[in-house]
PDB file of N, CA and C in Angstrom:
ATOM      1  N   MET A   1     -50.649  54.782  72.412  1.00  0.00           N
ATOM      2  CA  MET A   1     -51.117  55.425  73.633  1.00  0.00           C
ATOM      3  C   MET A   1     -51.035  54.428  74.775  1.00  0.00           C
ATOM      4  N   SER A   2     -50.540  54.870  75.881  1.00  0.00           N
ATOM      5  CA  SER A   2     -50.441  54.028  77.064  1.00  0.00           C
ATOM      6  C   SER A   2     -51.807  53.941  77.739  1.00  0.00           C
ATOM      7  N   ARG A   3     -52.194  52.720  78.077  1.00  0.00           N
ATOM      8  CA  ARG A   3     -53.474  52.521  78.752  1.00  0.00           C
ATOM      9  C   ARG A   3     -53.206  51.820  80.068  1.00  0.00           C
ATOM     10  N   SER A   4     -53.137  52.575  81.143  1.00  0.00           N
ATOM     11  CA  SER A   4     -52.907  51.973  82.445  1.00  0.00           C
ATOM     12  C   SER A   4     -53.797  52.634  83.480  1.00  0.00           C
ATOM     13  N   GLY A   5     -54.087  51.900  84.525  1.00  0.00           N
ATOM     14  CA  GLY A   5     -54.944  52.409  85.578  1.00  0.00           C
ATOM     15  C   GLY A   5     -56.242  51.657  85.625  1.00  0.00           C
ATOM     16  N   LEU A   6     -57.157  52.167  86.415  1.00  0.00           N
ATOM     17  CA  LEU A   6     -58.453  51.520  86.581  1.00  0.00           C
ATOM     18  C   LEU A   6     -59.471  52.035  85.572  1.00  0.00           C
ATOM     19  N   CYS A   7     -60.418  51.182  85.275  1.00  0.00           N
ATOM     20  CA  CYS A   7     -61.533  51.541  84.404  1.00  0.00           C
ATOM     21  C   CYS A   7     -62.259  52.740  85.000  1.00  0.00           C
ATOM     22  N   GLN A   8     -62.548  53.730  84.193  1.00  0.00           N
ATOM     23  CA  GLN A   8     -63.219  54.928  84.672  1.00  0.00           C
ATOM     24  C   GLN A   8     -64.733  54.748  84.778  1.00  0.00           C
ATOM     25  N   VAL A   9     -65.242  53.589  84.394  1.00  0.00           N
ATOM     26  CA  VAL A   9     -66.670  53.302  84.551  1.00  0.00           C
ATOM     27  C   VAL A   9     -66.902  52.516  85.840  1.00  0.00           C
ATOM     28  N   CYS A  10     -66.232  51.365  85.989  1.00  0.00           N
ATOM     29  CA  CYS A  10     -66.463  50.521  87.171  1.00  0.00           C
ATOM     30  C   CYS A  10     -65.469  50.786  88.300  1.00  0.00           C
ATOM     31  N   GLU A  11     -64.355  51.388  87.988  1.00  0.00           N
ATOM     32  CA  GLU A  11     -63.313  51.718  88.964  1.00  0.00           C
ATOM     33  C   GLU A  11     -62.793  50.502  89.723  1.00  0.00           C
ATOM     34  N   ARG A  12     -62.852  49.315  89.107  1.00  0.00           N
ATOM     35  CA  ARG A  12     -62.347  48.094  89.733  1.00  0.00           C
ATOM     36  C   ARG A  12     -61.366  47.355  88.836  1.00  0.00           C
ATOM     37  N   ALA A  13     -61.727  47.159  87.598  1.00  0.00           N
ATOM     38  CA  ALA A  13     -60.899  46.386  86.668  1.00  0.00           C
ATOM     39  C   ALA A  13     -59.836  47.270  86.018  1.00  0.00           C
ATOM     40  N   GLU A  14     -58.782  46.631  85.554  1.00  0.00           N
ATOM     41  CA  GLU A  14     -57.714  47.359  84.875  1.00  0.00           C
ATOM     42  C   GLU A  14     -58.209  47.849  83.511  1.00  0.00           C
ATOM     43  N   ALA A  15     -57.901  49.082  83.192  1.00  0.00           N
ATOM     44  CA  ALA A  15     -58.277  49.654  81.898  1.00  0.00           C
ATOM     45  C   ALA A  15     -57.425  49.031  80.801  1.00  0.00           C
ATOM     46  N   THR A  16     -58.085  48.625  79.718  1.00  0.00           N
ATOM     47  CA  THR A  16     -57.385  48.006  78.598  1.00  0.00           C
ATOM     48  C   THR A  16     -57.643  48.718  77.284  1.00  0.00           C
ATOM     49  N   ALA A  17     -58.502  49.729  77.295  1.00  0.00           N
ATOM     50  CA  ALA A  17     -58.845  50.453  76.074  1.00  0.00           C
ATOM     51  C   ALA A  17     -59.196  51.895  76.425  1.00  0.00           C
ATOM     52  N   SER A  18     -59.218  52.735  75.404  1.00  0.00           N
ATOM     53  CA  SER A  18     -59.669  54.110  75.618  1.00  0.00           C
ATOM     54  C   SER A  18     -60.766  54.425  74.607  1.00  0.00           C
ATOM     55  N   CYS A  19     -61.770  55.130  75.065  1.00  0.00           N
ATOM     56  CA  CYS A  19     -62.923  55.482  74.249  1.00  0.00           C
ATOM     57  C   CYS A  19     -62.514  56.482  73.167  1.00  0.00           C
ATOM     58  N   ASP A  20     -62.909  56.208  71.938  1.00  0.00           N
ATOM     59  CA  ASP A  20     -62.611  57.113  70.822  1.00  0.00           C
ATOM     60  C   ASP A  20     -63.400  58.416  70.922  1.00  0.00           C
ATOM     61  N   ARG A  21     -64.501  58.383  71.626  1.00  0.00           N
ATOM     62  CA  ARG A  21     -65.373  59.563  71.706  1.00  0.00           C
ATOM     63  C   ARG A  21     -64.992  60.506  72.851  1.00  0.00           C
ATOM     64  N   CYS A  22     -64.810  59.957  74.069  1.00  0.00           N
ATOM     65  CA  CYS A  22     -64.546  60.823  75.225  1.00  0.00           C
ATOM     66  C   CYS A  22     -63.147  60.656  75.812  1.00  0.00           C
ATOM     67  N   GLY A  23     -62.433  59.612  75.396  1.00  0.00           N
ATOM     68  CA  GLY A  23     -61.083  59.393  75.879  1.00  0.00           C
ATOM     69  C   GLY A  23     -60.975  58.651  77.197  1.00  0.00           C
ATOM     70  N   ALA A  24     -62.091  58.218  77.766  1.00  0.00           N
ATOM     71  CA  ALA A  24     -62.069  57.505  79.040  1.00  0.00           C
ATOM     72  C   ALA A  24     -61.307  56.189  78.902  1.00  0.00           C
ATOM     73  N   LEU A  25     -60.542  55.858  79.946  1.00  0.00           N
ATOM     74  CA  LEU A  25     -59.862  54.565  80.006  1.00  0.00           C
ATOM     75  C   LEU A  25     -60.838  53.565  80.606  1.00  0.00           C
ATOM     76  N   VAL A  26     -61.051  52.447  79.906  1.00  0.00           N
ATOM     77  CA  VAL A  26     -62.070  51.487  80.327  1.00  0.00           C
ATOM     78  C   VAL A  26     -61.586  50.047  80.190  1.00  0.00           C
ATOM     79  N   CYS A  27     -62.234  49.156  80.959  1.00  0.00           N
ATOM     80  CA  CYS A  27     -61.942  47.729  80.861  1.00  0.00           C
ATOM     81  C   CYS A  27     -62.745  47.137  79.695  1.00  0.00           C
ATOM     82  N   GLY A  28     -62.445  45.896  79.372  1.00  0.00           N
ATOM     83  CA  GLY A  28     -63.126  45.224  78.269  1.00  0.00           C
ATOM     84  C   GLY A  28     -64.628  45.094  78.454  1.00  0.00           C
ATOM     85  N   ASP A  29     -65.084  45.002  79.704  1.00  0.00           N
ATOM     86  CA  ASP A  29     -66.521  44.881  79.975  1.00  0.00           C
ATOM     87  C   ASP A  29     -67.278  46.174  79.693  1.00  0.00           C
ATOM     88  N   HIS A  30     -66.578  47.290  79.682  1.00  0.00           N
ATOM     89  CA  HIS A  30     -67.222  48.588  79.480  1.00  0.00           C
ATOM     90  C   HIS A  30     -66.766  49.274  78.196  1.00  0.00           C
ATOM     91  N   TYR A  31     -66.397  48.458  77.209  1.00  0.00           N
ATOM     92  CA  TYR A  31     -65.911  48.983  75.933  1.00  0.00           C
ATOM     93  C   TYR A  31     -66.557  48.224  74.794  1.00  0.00           C
ATOM     94  N   ASP A  32     -67.133  48.933  73.850  1.00  0.00           N
ATOM     95  CA  ASP A  32     -67.728  48.329  72.658  1.00  0.00           C
ATOM     96  C   ASP A  32     -66.685  48.411  71.546  1.00  0.00           C
ATOM     97  N   ARG A  33     -66.014  47.297  71.290  1.00  0.00           N
ATOM     98  CA  ARG A  33     -64.925  47.285  70.299  1.00  0.00           C
ATOM     99  C   ARG A  33     -65.423  47.609  68.894  1.00  0.00           C
ATOM    100  N   GLU A  34     -66.619  47.188  68.561  1.00  0.00           N
ATOM    101  CA  GLU A  34     -67.167  47.437  67.227  1.00  0.00           C
ATOM    102  C   GLU A  34     -67.304  48.937  66.948  1.00  0.00           C
ATOM    103  N   ARG A  35     -67.764  49.680  67.944  1.00  0.00           N
ATOM    104  CA  ARG A  35     -67.970  51.125  67.776  1.00  0.00           C
ATOM    105  C   ARG A  35     -66.805  51.952  68.301  1.00  0.00           C
ATOM    106  N   GLY A  36     -65.970  51.349  69.158  1.00  0.00           N
ATOM    107  CA  GLY A  36     -64.815  52.041  69.701  1.00  0.00           C
ATOM    108  C   GLY A  36     -65.145  53.031  70.799  1.00  0.00           C
ATOM    109  N   VAL A  37     -66.253  52.776  71.509  1.00  0.00           N
ATOM    110  CA  VAL A  37     -66.684  53.699  72.556  1.00  0.00           C
ATOM    111  C   VAL A  37     -66.926  52.977  73.877  1.00  0.00           C
ATOM    112  N   CYS A  38     -66.885  53.750  74.963  1.00  0.00           N
ATOM    113  CA  CYS A  38     -67.147  53.190  76.287  1.00  0.00           C
ATOM    114  C   CYS A  38     -68.650  53.004  76.493  1.00  0.00           C
ATOM    115  N   ALA A  39     -68.998  52.316  77.571  1.00  0.00           N
ATOM    116  CA  ALA A  39     -70.399  52.038  77.878  1.00  0.00           C
ATOM    117  C   ALA A  39     -71.198  53.328  78.074  1.00  0.00           C
ATOM    118  N   ASP A  40     -70.596  54.340  78.677  1.00  0.00           N
ATOM    119  CA  ASP A  40     -71.298  55.610  78.898  1.00  0.00           C
ATOM    120  C   ASP A  40     -71.622  56.295  77.572  1.00  0.00           C
ATOM    121  N   CYS A  41     -70.666  56.333  76.665  1.00  0.00           N
ATOM    122  CA  CYS A  41     -70.907  56.954  75.356  1.00  0.00           C
ATOM    123  C   CYS A  41     -71.872  56.117  74.522  1.00  0.00           C
ATOM    124  N   LEU A  42     -71.767  54.792  74.638  1.00  0.00           N
ATOM    125  CA  LEU A  42     -72.666  53.905  73.914  1.00  0.00           C
ATOM    126  C   LEU A  42     -74.109  54.164  74.326  1.00  0.00           C
ATOM    127  N   ALA A  43     -74.356  54.364  75.610  1.00  0.00           N
ATOM    128  CA  ALA A  43     -75.700  54.660  76.102  1.00  0.00           C
ATOM    129  C   ALA A  43     -76.206  55.980  75.515  1.00  0.00           C
ATOM    130  N   GLY A  44     -75.326  56.926  75.321  1.00  0.00           N
ATOM    131  CA  GLY A  44     -75.708  58.219  74.756  1.00  0.00           C
ATOM    132  C   GLY A  44     -75.973  58.173  73.264  1.00  0.00           C
ATOM    133  N   LEU A  45     -75.494  57.123  72.592  1.00  0.00           N
ATOM    134  CA  LEU A  45     -75.698  56.994  71.145  1.00  0.00           C
ATOM    135  C   LEU A  45     -77.062  56.425  70.809  1.00  0.00           C
ATOM    136  N   GLY A  46     -77.705  55.759  71.789  1.00  0.00           N
ATOM    137  CA  GLY A  46     -78.969  55.065  71.578  1.00  0.00           C
ATOM    138  C   GLY A  46     -80.077  55.960  71.283  1.00  0.00           C
TER     139      GLY A  46
END
């Protein structure tokens, strides 16, 4: 899957991953590699 564009959470950094749960393109700061989800989805899992 191609991952290009801006992070959909901070809208500043380049997206380097996509969330397994919602599909959002996110930067490394807003991605939990262990769970494979973005910061927004991670907050919803708590």
